[in-house]
Protein backbone atom coordinates (compact mmCIF):
# COMPACT_ATOMS: atom_id res chain seq x y z
CA MET A 1 12.59 -19.02 -7.56
CA THR A 2 13.96 -22.32 -8.82
CA GLU A 3 14.67 -24.84 -6.11
CA ASP A 4 16.10 -28.32 -6.07
CA THR A 5 13.16 -30.66 -5.57
CA ASN A 6 15.41 -33.02 -3.61
CA LEU A 7 15.86 -30.49 -0.80
CA THR A 8 13.98 -31.04 2.44
CA ASN A 9 11.49 -28.43 3.59
CA HIS A 10 13.99 -27.62 6.33
CA LYS A 11 16.64 -26.65 3.75
CA LYS A 12 14.13 -24.91 1.44
CA PHE A 13 12.90 -22.76 4.33
CA LEU A 14 16.42 -21.84 5.44
CA ASN A 15 17.46 -21.02 1.86
CA SER A 16 14.45 -18.73 1.44
CA PHE A 17 15.05 -17.17 4.85
CA ASN A 18 18.71 -16.48 4.05
CA THR A 19 17.77 -14.92 0.70
CA LEU A 20 15.14 -12.82 2.47
CA HIS A 21 17.76 -11.72 5.02
CA LYS A 22 20.10 -10.62 2.20
CA ILE A 23 17.32 -8.68 0.49
CA LEU A 24 16.36 -6.89 3.72
CA ARG A 25 20.00 -5.99 4.37
CA LYS A 26 20.26 -4.52 0.88
CA LYS A 27 16.88 -2.70 1.01
CA LEU A 28 17.69 -1.16 4.39
CA ASN A 29 21.34 -0.48 3.54
CA GLU A 30 22.58 -2.55 6.49
CA PRO A 31 24.98 -5.14 5.02
CA ASP A 32 25.95 -6.72 8.36
CA MET A 33 22.79 -6.43 10.47
CA ASP A 34 21.11 -9.46 12.03
CA PHE A 35 17.48 -10.20 11.17
CA GLY A 36 15.95 -9.05 14.49
CA PRO A 37 17.51 -5.56 14.38
CA LEU A 38 16.56 -5.34 10.69
CA LEU A 39 12.93 -5.90 11.70
CA ASN A 40 13.23 -3.10 14.25
CA LYS A 41 14.51 -0.86 11.46
CA VAL A 42 11.60 -1.95 9.24
CA LYS A 43 9.21 -0.84 11.98
CA LYS A 44 11.00 2.47 12.44
CA ASN A 45 11.22 3.25 8.70
CA ARG A 46 7.61 2.20 8.04
CA ASP A 47 8.44 0.86 4.56
CA ILE A 48 4.95 0.11 3.25
CA VAL A 49 5.90 -3.14 1.48
CA LEU A 50 7.93 -4.51 4.37
CA MET A 51 5.39 -3.40 6.99
CA ARG A 52 2.74 -5.38 5.17
CA TYR A 53 4.71 -8.55 5.95
CA TYR A 54 6.16 -7.50 9.30
CA GLU A 55 4.35 -10.13 11.41
CA LYS A 56 5.17 -12.91 8.95
CA LEU A 57 8.81 -11.82 8.84
CA ASP A 58 8.93 -11.91 12.64
CA PHE A 59 7.36 -15.39 12.63
CA TYR A 60 9.92 -16.58 10.07
CA ARG A 61 12.70 -15.18 12.28
CA GLU A 62 11.43 -17.06 15.33
CA PHE A 63 10.85 -20.25 13.35
CA ARG A 64 14.33 -20.05 11.81
CA ASN A 65 15.83 -19.69 15.29
CA ILE A 66 14.00 -22.83 16.41
CA LEU A 67 15.26 -24.74 13.38
CA VAL A 68 18.86 -23.59 13.73
CA HIS A 69 19.40 -23.30 17.48
CA GLU A 70 17.39 -26.26 18.74
CA GLU A 71 19.04 -28.83 16.49
CA THR A 72 22.00 -30.77 17.87
CA ASN A 73 23.96 -33.74 16.60
CA ASP A 74 22.37 -36.04 19.20
CA MET A 75 18.82 -34.86 18.63
CA PRO A 76 16.94 -34.16 15.42
CA SER A 77 15.20 -30.86 14.84
CA VAL A 78 12.17 -30.19 17.04
CA ALA A 79 10.29 -28.76 14.05
CA GLU A 80 9.99 -29.32 10.32
CA PRO A 81 8.53 -26.61 8.05
CA SER A 82 5.32 -27.65 6.34
CA ASP A 83 4.82 -27.32 2.59
CA PHE A 84 2.52 -24.39 3.37
CA ILE A 85 5.23 -22.47 5.30
CA VAL A 86 7.83 -23.19 2.62
CA ASP A 87 5.47 -21.96 -0.11
CA GLU A 88 4.42 -18.93 1.94
CA ILE A 89 7.96 -17.73 2.69
CA GLY A 90 8.72 -18.17 -1.02
CA GLU A 91 5.73 -16.01 -1.98
CA VAL A 92 6.59 -13.32 0.58
CA LEU A 93 10.18 -13.36 -0.66
CA GLU A 94 9.01 -12.79 -4.25
CA ARG A 95 6.64 -9.98 -3.23
CA ILE A 96 9.39 -8.21 -1.31
CA LYS A 97 11.89 -8.73 -4.14
CA ASN A 98 9.42 -7.56 -6.79
CA PRO A 99 6.74 -5.40 -5.17
CA LYS A 100 3.85 -4.24 -7.34
CA LYS A 101 4.11 -0.72 -8.65
CA VAL A 102 1.32 1.74 -7.90
CA TYR A 103 0.31 1.93 -11.56
CA GLN A 104 -0.16 -1.87 -11.60
CA LEU A 105 -2.79 -1.60 -8.87
CA PHE A 106 -5.01 0.74 -10.86
CA ASN A 107 -6.41 -0.64 -14.07
CA HIS A 108 -8.59 2.29 -15.06
CA GLU A 109 -8.22 5.99 -15.60
CA VAL A 110 -8.99 8.15 -12.59
CA ILE A 111 -11.97 10.44 -13.12
CA HIS A 112 -10.91 13.98 -12.27
CA PHE A 113 -12.13 17.53 -12.68
CA ASN A 114 -10.86 21.03 -13.29
CA LEU A 115 -11.59 23.96 -10.97
CA ASN A 116 -13.68 25.52 -13.76
CA ASP A 117 -15.87 22.45 -14.36
CA SER A 118 -19.49 22.80 -13.33
CA LEU A 119 -20.98 21.21 -10.25
CA SER A 120 -23.53 19.51 -12.51
CA LYS A 121 -20.70 17.64 -14.27
CA VAL A 122 -19.53 16.24 -10.91
CA LEU A 123 -23.06 15.30 -9.84
CA ASN A 124 -23.70 13.46 -13.12
CA ILE A 125 -20.59 11.33 -12.53
CA VAL A 126 -21.59 10.72 -8.89
CA LYS A 127 -24.96 9.48 -10.15
CA GLU A 128 -23.53 7.43 -13.02
CA LYS A 129 -20.49 5.85 -11.35
CA GLU A 130 -21.52 6.06 -7.68
CA TYR A 131 -18.10 7.49 -6.79
CA SER A 132 -17.96 9.86 -3.85
CA GLN A 133 -14.77 11.87 -4.31
CA PHE A 134 -12.60 13.11 -7.13
CA PRO A 135 -9.24 14.84 -7.58
CA VAL A 136 -9.41 18.43 -8.81
CA PHE A 137 -6.75 20.13 -10.94
CA ASN A 138 -6.12 23.76 -11.84
CA ASN A 139 -5.46 25.06 -15.37
CA ASN A 140 -1.77 24.17 -15.01
CA SER A 141 -2.66 20.51 -14.40
CA GLU A 142 -1.59 20.81 -10.75
CA LEU A 143 -3.55 18.86 -8.18
CA VAL A 144 -5.33 21.33 -5.89
CA GLY A 145 -7.49 19.01 -3.80
CA LEU A 146 -10.47 16.69 -3.67
CA ILE A 147 -14.14 17.33 -4.12
CA SER A 148 -16.51 14.94 -2.36
CA GLU A 149 -20.21 14.38 -1.79
CA ASN A 150 -19.69 15.70 1.74
CA GLY A 151 -18.13 18.93 0.43
CA ILE A 152 -20.96 19.41 -2.04
CA THR A 153 -23.51 18.90 0.73
CA ARG A 154 -21.72 21.44 2.95
CA PHE A 155 -21.67 23.95 0.09
CA LEU A 156 -25.40 23.50 -0.51
CA ALA A 157 -26.17 23.77 3.22
CA GLU A 158 -24.16 26.98 3.52
CA SER A 159 -25.80 28.37 0.36
CA VAL A 160 -29.39 27.57 1.38
CA GLU A 161 -29.99 31.18 2.42
CA ASP A 162 -29.25 32.31 -1.15
CA ASP A 163 -32.45 30.43 -2.06
CA ILE A 164 -31.65 29.81 -5.70
CA ILE A 165 -28.45 28.07 -6.74
CA SER A 166 -27.71 27.16 -10.33
CA ILE A 167 -25.96 23.81 -10.25
CA VAL A 168 -24.97 24.26 -13.91
CA GLU A 169 -23.44 27.70 -13.25
CA THR A 170 -21.75 26.73 -9.98
CA LYS A 171 -18.09 25.89 -10.55
CA ILE A 172 -15.98 23.42 -8.58
CA LYS A 173 -13.78 26.33 -7.45
CA ASP A 174 -16.87 27.70 -5.62
CA VAL A 175 -17.44 24.38 -3.84
CA ILE A 176 -14.01 22.94 -3.07
CA ASP A 177 -13.22 25.24 -0.13
CA HIS A 178 -16.24 23.80 1.71
CA ASP A 179 -14.83 20.29 1.46
CA GLU A 180 -13.05 18.84 4.50
CA ALA A 181 -11.49 16.20 2.24
CA LYS A 182 -9.91 18.73 -0.12
CA ASP A 183 -6.47 18.41 1.50
CA SER A 184 -6.71 14.68 2.30
CA ILE A 185 -4.35 13.65 -0.46
CA THR A 186 -1.10 11.76 -0.52
CA ILE A 187 0.86 11.77 -3.76
CA VAL A 188 2.48 8.41 -4.45
CA ASN A 189 5.15 7.84 -7.09
CA ALA A 190 3.85 5.51 -9.81
CA ASN A 191 7.00 3.42 -9.58
């Protein structure tokens, strides 16, 4: 955001606040709504990006009200935004305007398995990478669940009466139903 360096912090803050207000109105499809009711809508809609900044947005709302409503012609403003607050509202504004995409948060390929992969393959990755859970796909590349250390332990505990278990011959499809985490998945759009 390019700003005139001659502006006071007071003006910079209010400019950023007003831009933020316009963005929230557009994001929430409420072209005429005041900031306070917009925040209530943010809370109700649970927009993950906006919720992350909810408390800061509420602080900015209160601070803006102090700046605008407490100032009179006879008396100067009772508060002046610090450089920190001006910079912070600018950063929050940019993050709300241009939130990171899910794919930007992950810089490596996710290790995953197929239902027909062997349990030994999973255990080797657990040992090598020290990861504890992995997505599992079927032959149609559809996500069917998660396999975790906990699920593997449950499978082994329930199979102890069988006495001999071949970890190499045991397939993930034999283990995954014992895993409490298998359905603990939320699919998030990469964009």
